[in-house]
C-alpha atoms as a PDB file:
ATOM      1  CA  UNK A   1     -41.239 -71.153 -17.722  1.00  0.00           C
ATOM      2  CA  UNK A   2     -37.693 -70.071 -16.889  1.00  0.00           C
ATOM      3  CA  UNK A   3     -38.991 -68.552 -13.616  1.00  0.00           C
ATOM      4  CA  UNK A   4     -40.685 -71.872 -12.685  1.00  0.00           C
ATOM      5  CA  UNK A   5     -37.535 -73.894 -13.403  1.00  0.00           C
ATOM      6  CA  UNK A   6     -35.499 -71.397 -11.426  1.00  0.00           C
ATOM      7  CA  UNK A   7     -37.869 -71.474  -8.457  1.00  0.00           C
ATOM      8  CA  UNK A   8     -38.006 -75.284  -8.537  1.00  0.00           C
ATOM      9  CA  UNK A   9     -34.146 -75.542  -8.562  1.00  0.00           C
ATOM     10  CA  UNK A  10     -33.918 -72.989  -5.750  1.00  0.00           C
ATOM     11  CA  UNK A  11     -36.552 -74.933  -3.647  1.00  0.00           C
ATOM     12  CA  UNK A  12     -35.066 -78.401  -4.206  1.00  0.00           C
ATOM     13  CA  UNK A  13     -31.381 -77.513  -3.860  1.00  0.00           C
ATOM     14  CA  UNK A  14     -31.074 -74.500  -1.501  1.00  0.00           C
ATOM     15  CA  UNK A  15     -27.395 -75.069  -0.648  1.00  0.00           C
ATOM     16  CA  UNK A  16     -26.460 -75.763  -4.268  1.00  0.00           C
ATOM     17  CA  UNK A  17     -28.356 -72.662  -5.300  1.00  0.00           C
ATOM     18  CA  UNK A  18     -26.022 -70.442  -3.350  1.00  0.00           C
ATOM     19  CA  UNK A  19     -22.939 -72.248  -4.762  1.00  0.00           C
ATOM     20  CA  UNK A  20     -24.453 -71.933  -8.207  1.00  0.00           C
ATOM     21  CA  UNK A  21     -24.872 -68.129  -7.756  1.00  0.00           C
ATOM     22  CA  UNK A  22     -21.316 -67.769  -6.380  1.00  0.00           C
ATOM     23  CA  UNK A  23     -19.747 -69.830  -9.183  1.00  0.00           C
ATOM     24  CA  UNK A  24     -21.922 -68.167 -11.830  1.00  0.00           C
ATOM     25  CA  UNK A  25     -20.911 -64.729 -10.513  1.00  0.00           C
ATOM     26  CA  UNK A  26     -17.265 -65.688 -10.479  1.00  0.00           C
ATOM     27  CA  UNK A  27     -17.448 -67.080 -13.984  1.00  0.00           C
ATOM     28  CA  UNK A  28     -19.181 -63.890 -15.207  1.00  0.00           C
ATOM     29  CA  UNK A  29     -16.460 -61.699 -13.533  1.00  0.00           C
ATOM     30  CA  UNK A  30     -13.637 -63.784 -15.067  1.00  0.00           C
ATOM     31  CA  UNK A  31     -15.309 -63.548 -18.528  1.00  0.00           C
ATOM     32  CA  UNK A  32     -15.756 -59.749 -18.221  1.00  0.00           C
ATOM     33  CA  UNK A  33     -12.143 -59.182 -16.990  1.00  0.00           C
ATOM     34  CA  UNK A  34     -10.807 -61.403 -19.776  1.00  0.00           C
ATOM     35  CA  UNK A  35     -12.929 -59.632 -22.396  1.00  0.00           C
ATOM     36  CA  UNK A  36     -11.659 -56.221 -21.124  1.00  0.00           C
ATOM     37  CA  UNK A  37      -8.079 -57.382 -21.139  1.00  0.00           C
ATOM     38  CA  UNK A  38      -8.263 -58.836 -24.643  1.00  0.00           C
ATOM     39  CA  UNK A  39     -10.075 -55.749 -25.999  1.00  0.00           C
ATOM     40  CA  UNK A  40      -7.686 -53.386 -24.194  1.00  0.00           C
ATOM     41  CA  UNK A  41      -4.663 -55.313 -25.424  1.00  0.00           C
ATOM     42  CA  UNK A  42      -5.924 -55.242 -29.049  1.00  0.00           C
ATOM     43  CA  UNK A  43      -6.688 -51.512 -28.829  1.00  0.00           C
ATOM     44  CA  UNK A  44      -3.249 -50.893 -27.306  1.00  0.00           C
ATOM     45  CA  UNK A  45      -1.458 -52.832 -30.046  1.00  0.00           C
ATOM     46  CA  UNK A  46      -3.435 -50.983 -32.693  1.00  0.00           C
ATOM     47  CA  UNK A  47      -2.674 -47.629 -31.110  1.00  0.00           C
ATOM     48  CA  UNK A  48       1.100 -48.361 -30.970  1.00  0.00           C
ATOM     49  CA  UNK A  49       1.062 -48.925 -34.758  1.00  0.00           C
ATOM     50  CA  UNK A  50      -0.193 -45.497 -35.612  1.00  0.00           C
ATOM     51  CA  UNK A  51       1.978 -42.832 -37.142  1.00  0.00           C
ATOM     52  CA  UNK A  52       0.967 -40.480 -34.258  1.00  0.00           C
ATOM     53  CA  UNK A  53       2.274 -42.923 -31.706  1.00  0.00           C
ATOM     54  CA  UNK A  54       5.582 -43.496 -33.589  1.00  0.00           C
ATOM     55  CA  UNK A  55       6.221 -39.758 -33.822  1.00  0.00           C
ATOM     56  CA  UNK A  56       5.106 -39.016 -30.292  1.00  0.00           C
ATOM     57  CA  UNK A  57       8.659 -38.717 -28.931  1.00  0.00           C
ATOM     58  CA  UNK A  58      11.083 -36.146 -30.295  1.00  0.00           C
ATOM     59  CA  UNK A  59      13.765 -38.717 -30.855  1.00  0.00           C
ATOM     60  CA  UNK A  60      11.784 -40.287 -33.649  1.00  0.00           C
ATOM     61  CA  UNK A  61       9.968 -37.138 -34.879  1.00  0.00           C
ATOM     62  CA  UNK A  62      13.142 -35.039 -35.159  1.00  0.00           C
ATOM     63  CA  UNK A  63      15.385 -37.675 -36.648  1.00  0.00           C
ATOM     64  CA  UNK A  64      14.165 -40.676 -38.660  1.00  0.00           C
ATOM     65  CA  UNK A  65      10.617 -39.327 -39.258  1.00  0.00           C
ATOM     66  CA  UNK A  66      12.094 -36.078 -40.555  1.00  0.00           C
ATOM     67  CA  UNK A  67      14.245 -38.057 -42.953  1.00  0.00           C
ATOM     68  CA  UNK A  68      11.276 -40.123 -44.101  1.00  0.00           C
ATOM     69  CA  UNK A  69       9.249 -37.088 -45.070  1.00  0.00           C
ATOM     70  CA  UNK A  70       9.289 -36.626 -48.830  1.00  0.00           C
ATOM     71  CA  UNK A  71      10.712 -40.057 -49.636  1.00  0.00           C
ATOM     72  CA  UNK A  72       9.057 -42.480 -52.081  1.00  0.00           C
ATOM     73  CA  UNK A  73       7.420 -44.283 -49.106  1.00  0.00           C
ATOM     74  CA  UNK A  74       5.929 -41.011 -47.835  1.00  0.00           C
ATOM     75  CA  UNK A  75       4.684 -39.436 -51.027  1.00  0.00           C
ATOM     76  CA  UNK A  76       4.518 -40.727 -54.588  1.00  0.00           C
ATOM     77  CA  UNK A  77       2.543 -40.661 -57.800  1.00  0.00           C
ATOM     78  CA  UNK A  78       0.124 -43.439 -56.575  1.00  0.00           C
ATOM     79  CA  UNK A  79      -0.687 -42.077 -53.191  1.00  0.00           C
ATOM     80  CA  UNK A  80       0.155 -45.442 -51.539  1.00  0.00           C
ATOM     81  CA  UNK A  81       1.940 -44.646 -48.348  1.00  0.00           C
ATOM     82  CA  UNK A  82       3.975 -46.769 -45.921  1.00  0.00           C
ATOM     83  CA  UNK A  83       4.090 -45.558 -42.308  1.00  0.00           C
ATOM     84  CA  UNK A  84       6.572 -46.590 -39.645  1.00  0.00           C
ATOM     85  CA  UNK A  85       4.752 -49.771 -38.559  1.00  0.00           C
ATOM     86  CA  UNK A  86       4.492 -51.031 -42.156  1.00  0.00           C
ATOM     87  CA  UNK A  87       8.293 -51.402 -42.289  1.00  0.00           C
ATOM     88  CA  UNK A  88       9.193 -51.941 -38.628  1.00  0.00           C
ATOM     89  CA  UNK A  89       6.408 -54.156 -37.298  1.00  0.00           C
ATOM     90  CA  UNK A  90       5.712 -57.625 -38.647  1.00  0.00           C
ATOM     91  CA  UNK A  91       2.154 -58.510 -39.481  1.00  0.00           C
ATOM     92  CA  UNK A  92       1.927 -62.235 -38.401  1.00  0.00           C
ATOM     93  CA  UNK A  93       0.447 -62.156 -34.881  1.00  0.00           C
ATOM     94  CA  UNK A  94       3.194 -64.093 -33.108  1.00  0.00           C
ATOM     95  CA  UNK A  95       5.937 -62.064 -34.726  1.00  0.00           C
ATOM     96  CA  UNK A  96       4.054 -58.894 -33.989  1.00  0.00           C
ATOM     97  CA  UNK A  97       3.816 -59.713 -30.279  1.00  0.00           C
ATOM     98  CA  UNK A  98       7.485 -60.660 -30.127  1.00  0.00           C
ATOM     99  CA  UNK A  99       8.484 -57.347 -31.806  1.00  0.00           C
ATOM    100  CA  UNK A 100       6.196 -55.360 -29.463  1.00  0.00           C
ATOM    101  CA  UNK A 101       7.758 -57.053 -26.442  1.00  0.00           C
ATOM    102  CA  UNK A 102      11.276 -56.306 -27.718  1.00  0.00           C
ATOM    103  CA  UNK A 103      10.211 -52.753 -28.436  1.00  0.00           C
ATOM    104  CA  UNK A 104       9.074 -52.304 -24.803  1.00  0.00           C
ATOM    105  CA  UNK A 105      12.628 -52.674 -23.714  1.00  0.00           C
ATOM    106  CA  UNK A 106      13.710 -49.936 -26.147  1.00  0.00           C
ATOM    107  CA  UNK A 107      11.585 -47.537 -24.074  1.00  0.00           C
ATOM    108  CA  UNK A 108      14.466 -47.684 -21.551  1.00  0.00           C
ATOM    109  CA  UNK A 109      16.607 -45.820 -24.082  1.00  0.00           C
ATOM    110  CA  UNK A 110      14.018 -43.063 -24.255  1.00  0.00           C
ATOM    111  CA  UNK A 111      13.765 -42.816 -20.486  1.00  0.00           C
ATOM    112  CA  UNK A 112      17.525 -42.681 -19.958  1.00  0.00           C
ATOM    113  CA  UNK A 113      18.214 -40.250 -22.770  1.00  0.00           C
ATOM    114  CA  UNK A 114      20.396 -42.574 -24.889  1.00  0.00           C
ATOM    115  CA  UNK A 115      19.457 -40.734 -28.162  1.00  0.00           C
ATOM    116  CA  UNK A 116      17.735 -37.614 -26.816  1.00  0.00           C
ATOM    117  CA  UNK A 117      19.904 -35.174 -28.915  1.00  0.00           C
ATOM    118  CA  UNK A 118      20.725 -35.113 -32.634  1.00  0.00           C
ATOM    119  CA  UNK A 119      24.411 -35.766 -31.777  1.00  0.00           C
ATOM    120  CA  UNK A 120      23.610 -38.795 -29.629  1.00  0.00           C
ATOM    121  CA  UNK A 121      21.275 -40.102 -32.286  1.00  0.00           C
ATOM    122  CA  UNK A 122      23.953 -39.811 -34.968  1.00  0.00           C
ATOM    123  CA  UNK A 123      26.482 -41.578 -32.711  1.00  0.00           C
ATOM    124  CA  UNK A 124      24.114 -44.569 -32.426  1.00  0.00           C
ATOM    125  CA  UNK A 125      22.738 -44.458 -35.989  1.00  0.00           C
ATOM    126  CA  UNK A 126      24.838 -47.357 -37.362  1.00  0.00           C
ATOM    127  CA  UNK A 127      23.916 -49.647 -34.378  1.00  0.00           C
ATOM    128  CA  UNK A 128      20.216 -48.742 -34.703  1.00  0.00           C
ATOM    129  CA  UNK A 129      20.176 -49.385 -38.461  1.00  0.00           C
ATOM    130  CA  UNK A 130      22.077 -52.661 -38.046  1.00  0.00           C
ATOM    131  CA  UNK A 131      19.459 -53.820 -35.460  1.00  0.00           C
ATOM    132  CA  UNK A 132      16.688 -53.153 -38.045  1.00  0.00           C
ATOM    133  CA  UNK A 133      18.682 -54.743 -40.903  1.00  0.00           C
ATOM    134  CA  UNK A 134      19.420 -57.859 -38.785  1.00  0.00           C
ATOM    135  CA  UNK A 135      15.704 -58.267 -38.063  1.00  0.00           C
ATOM    136  CA  UNK A 136      14.797 -57.818 -41.710  1.00  0.00           C
ATOM    137  CA  UNK A 137      17.498 -60.257 -42.937  1.00  0.00           C
ATOM    138  CA  UNK A 138      16.189 -62.869 -40.424  1.00  0.00           C
ATOM    139  CA  UNK A 139      12.666 -62.559 -41.854  1.00  0.00           C
ATOM    140  CA  UNK A 140      13.828 -62.432 -45.519  1.00  0.00           C
ATOM    141  CA  UNK A 141      12.665 -58.813 -45.633  1.00  0.00           C
ATOM    142  CA  UNK A 142       9.093 -59.834 -44.766  1.00  0.00           C
ATOM    143  CA  UNK A 143       8.240 -56.258 -43.934  1.00  0.00           C
ATOM    144  CA  UNK A 144       9.103 -55.267 -47.534  1.00  0.00           C
ATOM    145  CA  UNK A 145       7.320 -58.236 -48.994  1.00  0.00           C
ATOM    146  CA  UNK A 146       4.081 -57.343 -47.125  1.00  0.00           C
ATOM    147  CA  UNK A 147       3.601 -54.669 -49.786  1.00  0.00           C
ATOM    148  CA  UNK A 148       5.976 -55.545 -52.597  1.00  0.00           C
ATOM    149  CA  UNK A 149       5.244 -58.908 -54.250  1.00  0.00           C
ATOM    150  CA  UNK A 150       7.978 -60.165 -56.568  1.00  0.00           C
ATOM    151  CA  UNK A 151       5.520 -62.155 -58.686  1.00  0.00           C
ATOM    152  CA  UNK A 152       3.579 -58.942 -59.336  1.00  0.00           C
ATOM    153  CA  UNK A 153       6.533 -56.867 -60.386  1.00  0.00           C
ATOM    154  CA  UNK A 154       6.540 -55.890 -64.085  1.00  0.00           C
ATOM    155  CA  UNK A 155      10.105 -56.576 -65.270  1.00  0.00           C
ATOM    156  CA  UNK A 156       9.324 -54.747 -68.514  1.00  0.00           C
ATOM    157  CA  UNK A 157       9.236 -51.534 -66.481  1.00  0.00           C
ATOM    158  CA  UNK A 158      12.725 -52.326 -64.862  1.00  0.00           C
ATOM    159  CA  UNK A 159      16.028 -51.294 -66.328  1.00  0.00           C
ATOM    160  CA  UNK A 160      18.285 -54.079 -67.625  1.00  0.00           C
ATOM    161  CA  UNK A 161      20.555 -53.405 -64.738  1.00  0.00           C
ATOM    162  CA  UNK A 162      17.701 -53.882 -62.160  1.00  0.00           C
ATOM    163  CA  UNK A 163      16.495 -57.017 -63.868  1.00  0.00           C
ATOM    164  CA  UNK A 164      19.986 -58.518 -63.754  1.00  0.00           C
ATOM    165  CA  UNK A 165      20.427 -57.506 -60.113  1.00  0.00           C
ATOM    166  CA  UNK A 166      17.168 -59.081 -59.090  1.00  0.00           C
ATOM    167  CA  UNK A 167      18.052 -62.358 -60.756  1.00  0.00           C
ATOM    168  CA  UNK A 168      21.534 -62.307 -59.209  1.00  0.00           C
ATOM    169  CA  UNK A 169      20.173 -61.483 -55.786  1.00  0.00           C
ATOM    170  CA  UNK A 170      17.663 -64.366 -55.885  1.00  0.00           C
ATOM    171  CA  UNK A 171      20.375 -66.780 -57.080  1.00  0.00           C
ATOM    172  CA  UNK A 172      22.760 -65.687 -54.295  1.00  0.00           C
ATOM    173  CA  UNK A 173      20.231 -65.853 -51.463  1.00  0.00           C
ATOM    174  CA  UNK A 174      20.076 -62.079 -50.993  1.00  0.00           C
ATOM    175  CA  UNK A 175      17.013 -60.365 -49.561  1.00  0.00           C
ATOM    176  CA  UNK A 176      15.466 -56.980 -50.264  1.00  0.00           C
ATOM    177  CA  UNK A 177      17.261 -55.085 -47.496  1.00  0.00           C
ATOM    178  CA  UNK A 178      20.706 -56.181 -48.784  1.00  0.00           C
ATOM    179  CA  UNK A 179      20.316 -53.706 -51.656  1.00  0.00           C
ATOM    180  CA  UNK A 180      17.288 -51.550 -50.827  1.00  0.00           C
ATOM    181  CA  UNK A 181      18.397 -49.623 -47.758  1.00  0.00           C
ATOM    182  CA  UNK A 182      18.782 -45.903 -47.156  1.00  0.00           C
ATOM    183  CA  UNK A 183      15.561 -45.317 -49.077  1.00  0.00           C
ATOM    184  CA  UNK A 184      13.519 -43.950 -46.209  1.00  0.00           C
ATOM    185  CA  UNK A 185      16.248 -42.944 -43.810  1.00  0.00           C
ATOM    186  CA  UNK A 186      19.835 -41.670 -44.196  1.00  0.00           C
ATOM    187  CA  UNK A 187      22.485 -44.331 -44.513  1.00  0.00           C
ATOM    188  CA  UNK A 188      24.834 -44.695 -41.585  1.00  0.00           C
ATOM    189  CA  UNK A 189      28.601 -44.820 -41.910  1.00  0.00           C
ATOM    190  CA  UNK A 190      30.047 -48.283 -42.249  1.00  0.00           C
ATOM    191  CA  UNK A 191      28.993 -51.475 -43.958  1.00  0.00           C
ATOM    192  CA  UNK A 192      25.583 -51.972 -45.409  1.00  0.00           C
ATOM    193  CA  UNK A 193      23.308 -54.975 -44.767  1.00  0.00           C
ATOM    194  CA  UNK A 194      25.000 -57.162 -47.397  1.00  0.00           C
ATOM    195  CA  UNK A 195      28.436 -56.727 -45.736  1.00  0.00           C
ATOM    196  CA  UNK A 196      27.137 -56.895 -42.174  1.00  0.00           C
ATOM    197  CA  UNK A 197      28.118 -59.815 -40.064  1.00  0.00           C
ATOM    198  CA  UNK A 198      25.147 -61.785 -38.764  1.00  0.00           C
ATOM    199  CA  UNK A 199      25.571 -62.920 -35.176  1.00  0.00           C
END
């Protein structure tokens, strides 16, 4: 039946048949290219969130990743582990794309050797940490709250000091990173996130 309809269309509209084939072919090509770009983009985004990707350059592997090893986020009694992207890449799609685009400009630092030695890294540590803290303060520590849910915290297991500090922080508009920093990486010299000027 389809062959009969196709033959009738071809016989009745020979000039339109050629246009139909050309337009159909073009539409198919556009669809295939779009599908490949979307699939390739999604695979690329997923790959850049792996621990292997994050530690692929020696600047990260020899500095911040080496500091992270053995911390509570790396190994703990529950076996729940946070990798680089859990703390440094937002999960909402629009925010994720924005962060990935911003990170693509950071590749320039790798190519030009801005932090290619331990000494250079240490010289830039405070600025690098402040960049991360600034992002986390702007999102109300969303990266922390992706895993840590305040409503699920058991205050009975917290010390009296911790309970009081959590209440005070909430009342004063503080966010997780204002107090909980230096837990996966060494603290830089200078002011912490709570004292840092937001510009």
